[in-house]
């Protein structure tokens, strides 16, 4: 595993190669960014959207957090980081598509399923517990039918997380307006770490299928 010194060595490689190869692209980006797609993904170190989708700098607007969650629209006082990023992407950058990408072996979804962090103090797991409580309602039928352990239950929870975030996206007035007009499309996706296959959600059936 790499430490900060290794990262600095990687930076030197970037400066000596990638920066020069893509110099024209970086020059364009000095004038601003205009990505068409926003990707909401997990913070997990194994699922980097830029690597999975093989994109260049400036091509996707990415927000990453525990379990790739989107909270529902709310105006209560607080630090609404995901909502702020969403607002910026939709209203300022005017992205035309939003992808919520969950993934296999997601620690956040597993913790939501087992509720192992419930009751812990902030700084000792409480922040995570509060965040993944967004999945509590979706958890109930899964726990009832499949239990709270094993890959089948965990996979069901991971898939449910994508669907919950999509539903929460649609509570935002700006999303409702633009999706209704056909100027914004929402997509659900799931990356399986075990085999490197991306699955795309068919919202009509609720099923995830391998991307072509």
C-alpha atoms as a PDB file:
ATOM      1  CA  UNK A   1       0.000   0.000   0.000  1.00  0.00           C
ATOM      2  CA  UNK A   2       1.228   3.506  -0.801  1.00  0.00           C
ATOM      3  CA  UNK A   3       2.120   6.195   1.694  1.00  0.00           C
ATOM      4  CA  UNK A   4       2.363   9.945   1.076  1.00  0.00           C
ATOM      5  CA  UNK A   5       5.952   9.684  -0.148  1.00  0.00           C
ATOM      6  CA  UNK A   6       4.803   7.191  -2.774  1.00  0.00           C
ATOM      7  CA  UNK A   7       2.076   9.630  -3.798  1.00  0.00           C
ATOM      8  CA  UNK A   8       4.677  12.345  -4.298  1.00  0.00           C
ATOM      9  CA  UNK A   9       6.646   9.968  -6.515  1.00  0.00           C
ATOM     10  CA  UNK A  10       3.463   9.345  -8.479  1.00  0.00           C
ATOM     11  CA  UNK A  11       3.023  13.091  -8.827  1.00  0.00           C
ATOM     12  CA  UNK A  12       6.498  13.335 -10.354  1.00  0.00           C
ATOM     13  CA  UNK A  13       5.479  10.727 -12.918  1.00  0.00           C
ATOM     14  CA  UNK A  14       2.326  12.709 -13.637  1.00  0.00           C
ATOM     15  CA  UNK A  15       4.326  15.903 -14.162  1.00  0.00           C
ATOM     16  CA  UNK A  16       6.870  14.233 -16.405  1.00  0.00           C
ATOM     17  CA  UNK A  17       4.363  12.310 -18.522  1.00  0.00           C
ATOM     18  CA  UNK A  18       0.593  12.843 -18.226  1.00  0.00           C
ATOM     19  CA  UNK A  19       0.804  16.598 -17.734  1.00  0.00           C
ATOM     20  CA  UNK A  20       2.861  16.964 -20.905  1.00  0.00           C
ATOM     21  CA  UNK A  21       0.794  14.490 -22.931  1.00  0.00           C
ATOM     22  CA  UNK A  22      -2.469  16.208 -22.012  1.00  0.00           C
ATOM     23  CA  UNK A  23      -1.122  19.745 -21.862  1.00  0.00           C
ATOM     24  CA  UNK A  24      -3.658  21.061 -24.374  1.00  0.00           C
ATOM     25  CA  UNK A  25      -6.485  19.522 -22.362  1.00  0.00           C
ATOM     26  CA  UNK A  26      -5.264  21.129 -19.146  1.00  0.00           C
ATOM     27  CA  UNK A  27      -4.952  24.454 -20.955  1.00  0.00           C
ATOM     28  CA  UNK A  28      -8.634  24.221 -21.942  1.00  0.00           C
ATOM     29  CA  UNK A  29      -9.612  23.485 -18.349  1.00  0.00           C
ATOM     30  CA  UNK A  30      -8.065  26.746 -17.185  1.00  0.00           C
ATOM     31  CA  UNK A  31     -11.104  28.424 -18.741  1.00  0.00           C
ATOM     32  CA  UNK A  32     -13.543  26.361 -16.656  1.00  0.00           C
ATOM     33  CA  UNK A  33     -15.264  23.000 -16.621  1.00  0.00           C
ATOM     34  CA  UNK A  34     -18.297  21.720 -18.500  1.00  0.00           C
ATOM     35  CA  UNK A  35     -18.852  18.040 -17.645  1.00  0.00           C
ATOM     36  CA  UNK A  36     -22.097  16.520 -18.893  1.00  0.00           C
ATOM     37  CA  UNK A  37     -22.253  13.794 -16.258  1.00  0.00           C
ATOM     38  CA  UNK A  38     -22.251  13.863 -12.464  1.00  0.00           C
ATOM     39  CA  UNK A  39     -21.248  10.645 -10.712  1.00  0.00           C
ATOM     40  CA  UNK A  40     -22.168   9.981  -7.095  1.00  0.00           C
ATOM     41  CA  UNK A  41     -19.970   7.170  -5.814  1.00  0.00           C
ATOM     42  CA  UNK A  42     -18.620   5.626  -2.633  1.00  0.00           C
ATOM     43  CA  UNK A  43     -15.455   6.838  -0.925  1.00  0.00           C
ATOM     44  CA  UNK A  44     -14.125   3.260  -0.991  1.00  0.00           C
ATOM     45  CA  UNK A  45     -10.557   3.278  -2.340  1.00  0.00           C
ATOM     46  CA  UNK A  46     -11.328   0.380  -4.696  1.00  0.00           C
ATOM     47  CA  UNK A  47     -13.951   2.135  -6.818  1.00  0.00           C
ATOM     48  CA  UNK A  48     -12.535   5.219  -8.501  1.00  0.00           C
ATOM     49  CA  UNK A  49     -15.106   6.451 -11.077  1.00  0.00           C
ATOM     50  CA  UNK A  50     -12.444   8.074 -13.262  1.00  0.00           C
ATOM     51  CA  UNK A  51     -10.644   4.739 -13.559  1.00  0.00           C
ATOM     52  CA  UNK A  52     -13.763   2.632 -14.035  1.00  0.00           C
ATOM     53  CA  UNK A  53     -15.170   4.900 -16.755  1.00  0.00           C
ATOM     54  CA  UNK A  54     -11.752   5.708 -18.289  1.00  0.00           C
ATOM     55  CA  UNK A  55     -12.371   9.453 -18.462  1.00  0.00           C
ATOM     56  CA  UNK A  56     -10.036  12.380 -18.903  1.00  0.00           C
ATOM     57  CA  UNK A  57      -9.737  15.381 -16.572  1.00  0.00           C
ATOM     58  CA  UNK A  58     -12.821  17.595 -16.679  1.00  0.00           C
ATOM     59  CA  UNK A  59     -15.161  14.975 -18.145  1.00  0.00           C
ATOM     60  CA  UNK A  60     -17.139  13.960 -15.040  1.00  0.00           C
ATOM     61  CA  UNK A  61     -18.144  15.827 -11.891  1.00  0.00           C
ATOM     62  CA  UNK A  62     -17.680  13.434  -8.976  1.00  0.00           C
ATOM     63  CA  UNK A  63     -19.006  13.365  -5.422  1.00  0.00           C
ATOM     64  CA  UNK A  64     -17.885  10.515  -3.171  1.00  0.00           C
ATOM     65  CA  UNK A  65     -19.108   9.633   0.291  1.00  0.00           C
ATOM     66  CA  UNK A  66     -19.833   6.609   2.475  1.00  0.00           C
ATOM     67  CA  UNK A  67     -22.076   4.191   0.505  1.00  0.00           C
ATOM     68  CA  UNK A  68     -22.683   6.684  -2.345  1.00  0.00           C
ATOM     69  CA  UNK A  69     -25.672   8.121  -0.522  1.00  0.00           C
ATOM     70  CA  UNK A  70     -27.819  11.118  -1.417  1.00  0.00           C
ATOM     71  CA  UNK A  71     -29.853  12.554   1.451  1.00  0.00           C
ATOM     72  CA  UNK A  72     -33.396  13.756   0.751  1.00  0.00           C
ATOM     73  CA  UNK A  73     -34.038  17.423   0.040  1.00  0.00           C
ATOM     74  CA  UNK A  74     -34.241  19.363   3.294  1.00  0.00           C
ATOM     75  CA  UNK A  75     -33.709  22.935   4.403  1.00  0.00           C
ATOM     76  CA  UNK A  76     -32.873  22.385   8.059  1.00  0.00           C
ATOM     77  CA  UNK A  77     -29.706  24.076   9.380  1.00  0.00           C
ATOM     78  CA  UNK A  78     -26.575  22.030   8.829  1.00  0.00           C
ATOM     79  CA  UNK A  79     -23.699  21.329   6.485  1.00  0.00           C
ATOM     80  CA  UNK A  80     -25.354  19.903   3.408  1.00  0.00           C
ATOM     81  CA  UNK A  81     -22.273  18.866   1.464  1.00  0.00           C
ATOM     82  CA  UNK A  82     -23.866  16.423  -0.975  1.00  0.00           C
ATOM     83  CA  UNK A  83     -26.820  18.729  -1.548  1.00  0.00           C
ATOM     84  CA  UNK A  84     -24.476  21.655  -2.238  1.00  0.00           C
ATOM     85  CA  UNK A  85     -22.481  19.633  -4.766  1.00  0.00           C
ATOM     86  CA  UNK A  86     -25.690  18.452  -6.393  1.00  0.00           C
ATOM     87  CA  UNK A  87     -27.028  21.991  -6.594  1.00  0.00           C
ATOM     88  CA  UNK A  88     -23.775  23.203  -8.160  1.00  0.00           C
ATOM     89  CA  UNK A  89     -23.719  20.384 -10.727  1.00  0.00           C
ATOM     90  CA  UNK A  90     -27.345  20.783 -11.762  1.00  0.00           C
ATOM     91  CA  UNK A  91     -27.853  24.532 -11.523  1.00  0.00           C
ATOM     92  CA  UNK A  92     -24.408  25.932 -12.342  1.00  0.00           C
ATOM     93  CA  UNK A  93     -22.658  23.300 -14.461  1.00  0.00           C
ATOM     94  CA  UNK A  94     -25.999  22.157 -15.910  1.00  0.00           C
ATOM     95  CA  UNK A  95     -25.072  18.494 -16.170  1.00  0.00           C
ATOM     96  CA  UNK A  96     -27.515  16.490 -18.242  1.00  0.00           C
ATOM     97  CA  UNK A  97     -27.055  13.124 -16.510  1.00  0.00           C
ATOM     98  CA  UNK A  98     -26.504  11.914 -12.950  1.00  0.00           C
ATOM     99  CA  UNK A  99     -25.192   8.434 -12.163  1.00  0.00           C
ATOM    100  CA  UNK A 100     -25.450   6.884  -8.709  1.00  0.00           C
ATOM    101  CA  UNK A 101     -22.870   4.098  -8.565  1.00  0.00           C
ATOM    102  CA  UNK A 102     -22.890   1.601  -5.718  1.00  0.00           C
ATOM    103  CA  UNK A 103     -20.400  -1.252  -5.437  1.00  0.00           C
ATOM    104  CA  UNK A 104     -19.781  -4.711  -4.083  1.00  0.00           C
ATOM    105  CA  UNK A 105     -18.270  -5.316  -0.649  1.00  0.00           C
ATOM    106  CA  UNK A 106     -19.442  -1.884   0.492  1.00  0.00           C
ATOM    107  CA  UNK A 107     -18.593  -1.383   4.155  1.00  0.00           C
ATOM    108  CA  UNK A 108     -21.205   1.322   4.580  1.00  0.00           C
ATOM    109  CA  UNK A 109     -24.006  -0.851   3.258  1.00  0.00           C
ATOM    110  CA  UNK A 110     -22.827  -3.761   5.390  1.00  0.00           C
ATOM    111  CA  UNK A 111     -22.863  -1.554   8.489  1.00  0.00           C
ATOM    112  CA  UNK A 112     -26.352  -0.356   7.569  1.00  0.00           C
ATOM    113  CA  UNK A 113     -27.451  -3.977   7.370  1.00  0.00           C
ATOM    114  CA  UNK A 114     -25.880  -5.165  10.633  1.00  0.00           C
ATOM    115  CA  UNK A 115     -26.433  -1.838  12.447  1.00  0.00           C
ATOM    116  CA  UNK A 116     -23.124  -2.522  14.185  1.00  0.00           C
ATOM    117  CA  UNK A 117     -22.438   1.188  14.655  1.00  0.00           C
ATOM    118  CA  UNK A 118     -25.822   2.143  16.056  1.00  0.00           C
ATOM    119  CA  UNK A 119     -25.515   3.805  19.444  1.00  0.00           C
ATOM    120  CA  UNK A 120     -21.883   4.866  19.042  1.00  0.00           C
ATOM    121  CA  UNK A 121     -20.685   8.391  19.743  1.00  0.00           C
ATOM    122  CA  UNK A 122     -19.692  10.864  17.018  1.00  0.00           C
ATOM    123  CA  UNK A 123     -16.027  10.333  16.333  1.00  0.00           C
ATOM    124  CA  UNK A 124     -16.301   6.682  17.367  1.00  0.00           C
ATOM    125  CA  UNK A 125     -18.696   5.588  14.631  1.00  0.00           C
ATOM    126  CA  UNK A 126     -21.641   7.853  15.355  1.00  0.00           C
ATOM    127  CA  UNK A 127     -21.186  10.016  12.273  1.00  0.00           C
ATOM    128  CA  UNK A 128     -21.227   6.914  10.085  1.00  0.00           C
ATOM    129  CA  UNK A 129     -24.243   5.513  11.927  1.00  0.00           C
ATOM    130  CA  UNK A 130     -26.223   8.710  11.413  1.00  0.00           C
ATOM    131  CA  UNK A 131     -25.303   8.814   7.730  1.00  0.00           C
ATOM    132  CA  UNK A 132     -26.175   5.218   6.871  1.00  0.00           C
ATOM    133  CA  UNK A 133     -29.432   5.536   8.806  1.00  0.00           C
ATOM    134  CA  UNK A 134     -30.610   6.833   5.428  1.00  0.00           C
ATOM    135  CA  UNK A 135     -30.898   3.129   4.588  1.00  0.00           C
ATOM    136  CA  UNK A 136     -32.899   2.052   7.641  1.00  0.00           C
ATOM    137  CA  UNK A 137     -36.232   1.854   5.820  1.00  0.00           C
ATOM    138  CA  UNK A 138     -34.771  -0.116   2.908  1.00  0.00           C
ATOM    139  CA  UNK A 139     -32.996  -2.421   5.356  1.00  0.00           C
ATOM    140  CA  UNK A 140     -36.128  -3.775   7.032  1.00  0.00           C
ATOM    141  CA  UNK A 141     -37.468  -6.051   4.247  1.00  0.00           C
ATOM    142  CA  UNK A 142     -33.959  -7.271   3.426  1.00  0.00           C
ATOM    143  CA  UNK A 143     -33.178  -8.180   7.032  1.00  0.00           C
ATOM    144  CA  UNK A 144     -36.559  -9.841   7.383  1.00  0.00           C
ATOM    145  CA  UNK A 145     -36.184 -11.987   4.265  1.00  0.00           C
ATOM    146  CA  UNK A 146     -32.421 -12.605   4.052  1.00  0.00           C
ATOM    147  CA  UNK A 147     -31.092 -11.862   7.519  1.00  0.00           C
ATOM    148  CA  UNK A 148     -28.228  -9.483   8.255  1.00  0.00           C
ATOM    149  CA  UNK A 149     -25.218 -11.584   7.269  1.00  0.00           C
ATOM    150  CA  UNK A 150     -23.890 -13.178   4.098  1.00  0.00           C
ATOM    151  CA  UNK A 151     -23.251 -11.944   0.586  1.00  0.00           C
ATOM    152  CA  UNK A 152     -26.840 -12.349  -0.625  1.00  0.00           C
ATOM    153  CA  UNK A 153     -28.144  -9.970   2.030  1.00  0.00           C
ATOM    154  CA  UNK A 154     -25.211  -7.589   1.571  1.00  0.00           C
ATOM    155  CA  UNK A 155     -25.681  -7.486  -2.210  1.00  0.00           C
ATOM    156  CA  UNK A 156     -29.381  -6.769  -1.757  1.00  0.00           C
ATOM    157  CA  UNK A 157     -28.478  -3.909   0.586  1.00  0.00           C
ATOM    158  CA  UNK A 158     -25.919  -2.541  -1.884  1.00  0.00           C
ATOM    159  CA  UNK A 159     -28.499  -2.566  -4.674  1.00  0.00           C
ATOM    160  CA  UNK A 160     -31.067  -0.974  -2.369  1.00  0.00           C
ATOM    161  CA  UNK A 161     -28.637   1.824  -1.554  1.00  0.00           C
ATOM    162  CA  UNK A 162     -28.534   2.889  -5.203  1.00  0.00           C
ATOM    163  CA  UNK A 163     -32.330   2.898  -5.391  1.00  0.00           C
ATOM    164  CA  UNK A 164     -32.669   4.925  -2.190  1.00  0.00           C
ATOM    165  CA  UNK A 165     -30.264   7.560  -3.496  1.00  0.00           C
ATOM    166  CA  UNK A 166     -32.141   7.789  -6.788  1.00  0.00           C
ATOM    167  CA  UNK A 167     -35.424   8.216  -4.907  1.00  0.00           C
ATOM    168  CA  UNK A 168     -33.859  10.912  -2.723  1.00  0.00           C
ATOM    169  CA  UNK A 169     -32.512  12.719  -5.773  1.00  0.00           C
ATOM    170  CA  UNK A 170     -36.068  13.041  -6.995  1.00  0.00           C
ATOM    171  CA  UNK A 171     -37.085  14.912  -3.832  1.00  0.00           C
ATOM    172  CA  UNK A 172     -35.033  17.909  -5.005  1.00  0.00           C
ATOM    173  CA  UNK A 173     -37.248  20.443  -6.838  1.00  0.00           C
ATOM    174  CA  UNK A 174     -34.545  21.224  -9.399  1.00  0.00           C
ATOM    175  CA  UNK A 175     -34.238  17.519 -10.233  1.00  0.00           C
ATOM    176  CA  UNK A 176     -38.005  17.106 -10.511  1.00  0.00           C
ATOM    177  CA  UNK A 177     -38.230  20.094 -12.818  1.00  0.00           C
ATOM    178  CA  UNK A 178     -35.407  19.125 -15.134  1.00  0.00           C
ATOM    179  CA  UNK A 179     -36.197  15.421 -15.256  1.00  0.00           C
ATOM    180  CA  UNK A 180     -39.812  16.303 -16.015  1.00  0.00           C
ATOM    181  CA  UNK A 181     -38.708  18.503 -18.919  1.00  0.00           C
ATOM    182  CA  UNK A 182     -36.394  15.780 -20.216  1.00  0.00           C
ATOM    183  CA  UNK A 183     -33.229  17.850 -19.777  1.00  0.00           C
ATOM    184  CA  UNK A 184     -31.818  15.646 -17.013  1.00  0.00           C
ATOM    185  CA  UNK A 185     -31.561  11.860 -16.825  1.00  0.00           C
ATOM    186  CA  UNK A 186     -30.863   9.754 -13.743  1.00  0.00           C
ATOM    187  CA  UNK A 187     -29.077   6.396 -13.839  1.00  0.00           C
ATOM    188  CA  UNK A 188     -28.309   3.714 -11.284  1.00  0.00           C
ATOM    189  CA  UNK A 189     -25.182   1.571 -11.576  1.00  0.00           C
ATOM    190  CA  UNK A 190     -23.325  -1.025  -9.549  1.00  0.00           C
ATOM    191  CA  UNK A 191     -19.668  -2.012  -9.838  1.00  0.00           C
ATOM    192  CA  UNK A 192     -18.811  -5.532  -8.731  1.00  0.00           C
ATOM    193  CA  UNK A 193     -15.332  -5.551  -7.232  1.00  0.00           C
ATOM    194  CA  UNK A 194     -15.175  -9.358  -7.472  1.00  0.00           C
ATOM    195  CA  UNK A 195     -15.149  -9.447 -11.284  1.00  0.00           C
ATOM    196  CA  UNK A 196     -14.808  -5.819 -12.388  1.00  0.00           C
ATOM    197  CA  UNK A 197     -18.186  -5.808 -14.129  1.00  0.00           C
ATOM    198  CA  UNK A 198     -20.410  -2.717 -14.139  1.00  0.00           C
ATOM    199  CA  UNK A 199     -24.138  -3.334 -13.844  1.00  0.00           C
ATOM    200  CA  UNK A 200     -26.798  -0.817 -14.865  1.00  0.00           C
ATOM    201  CA  UNK A 201     -30.182  -0.484 -13.178  1.00  0.00           C
ATOM    202  CA  UNK A 202     -33.382  -0.861 -15.171  1.00  0.00           C
ATOM    203  CA  UNK A 203     -35.730   1.211 -13.047  1.00  0.00           C
ATOM    204  CA  UNK A 204     -38.781  -0.288 -14.736  1.00  0.00           C
ATOM    205  CA  UNK A 205     -37.934  -3.780 -13.477  1.00  0.00           C
ATOM    206  CA  UNK A 206     -35.714  -2.898 -10.539  1.00  0.00           C
ATOM    207  CA  UNK A 207     -33.033  -5.250 -11.845  1.00  0.00           C
ATOM    208  CA  UNK A 208     -29.308  -4.621 -12.424  1.00  0.00           C
ATOM    209  CA  UNK A 209     -27.783  -6.075 -15.592  1.00  0.00           C
ATOM    210  CA  UNK A 210     -24.183  -6.102 -16.894  1.00  0.00           C
ATOM    211  CA  UNK A 211     -23.395  -3.086 -19.063  1.00  0.00           C
ATOM    212  CA  UNK A 212     -22.913  -3.921 -22.720  1.00  0.00           C
END
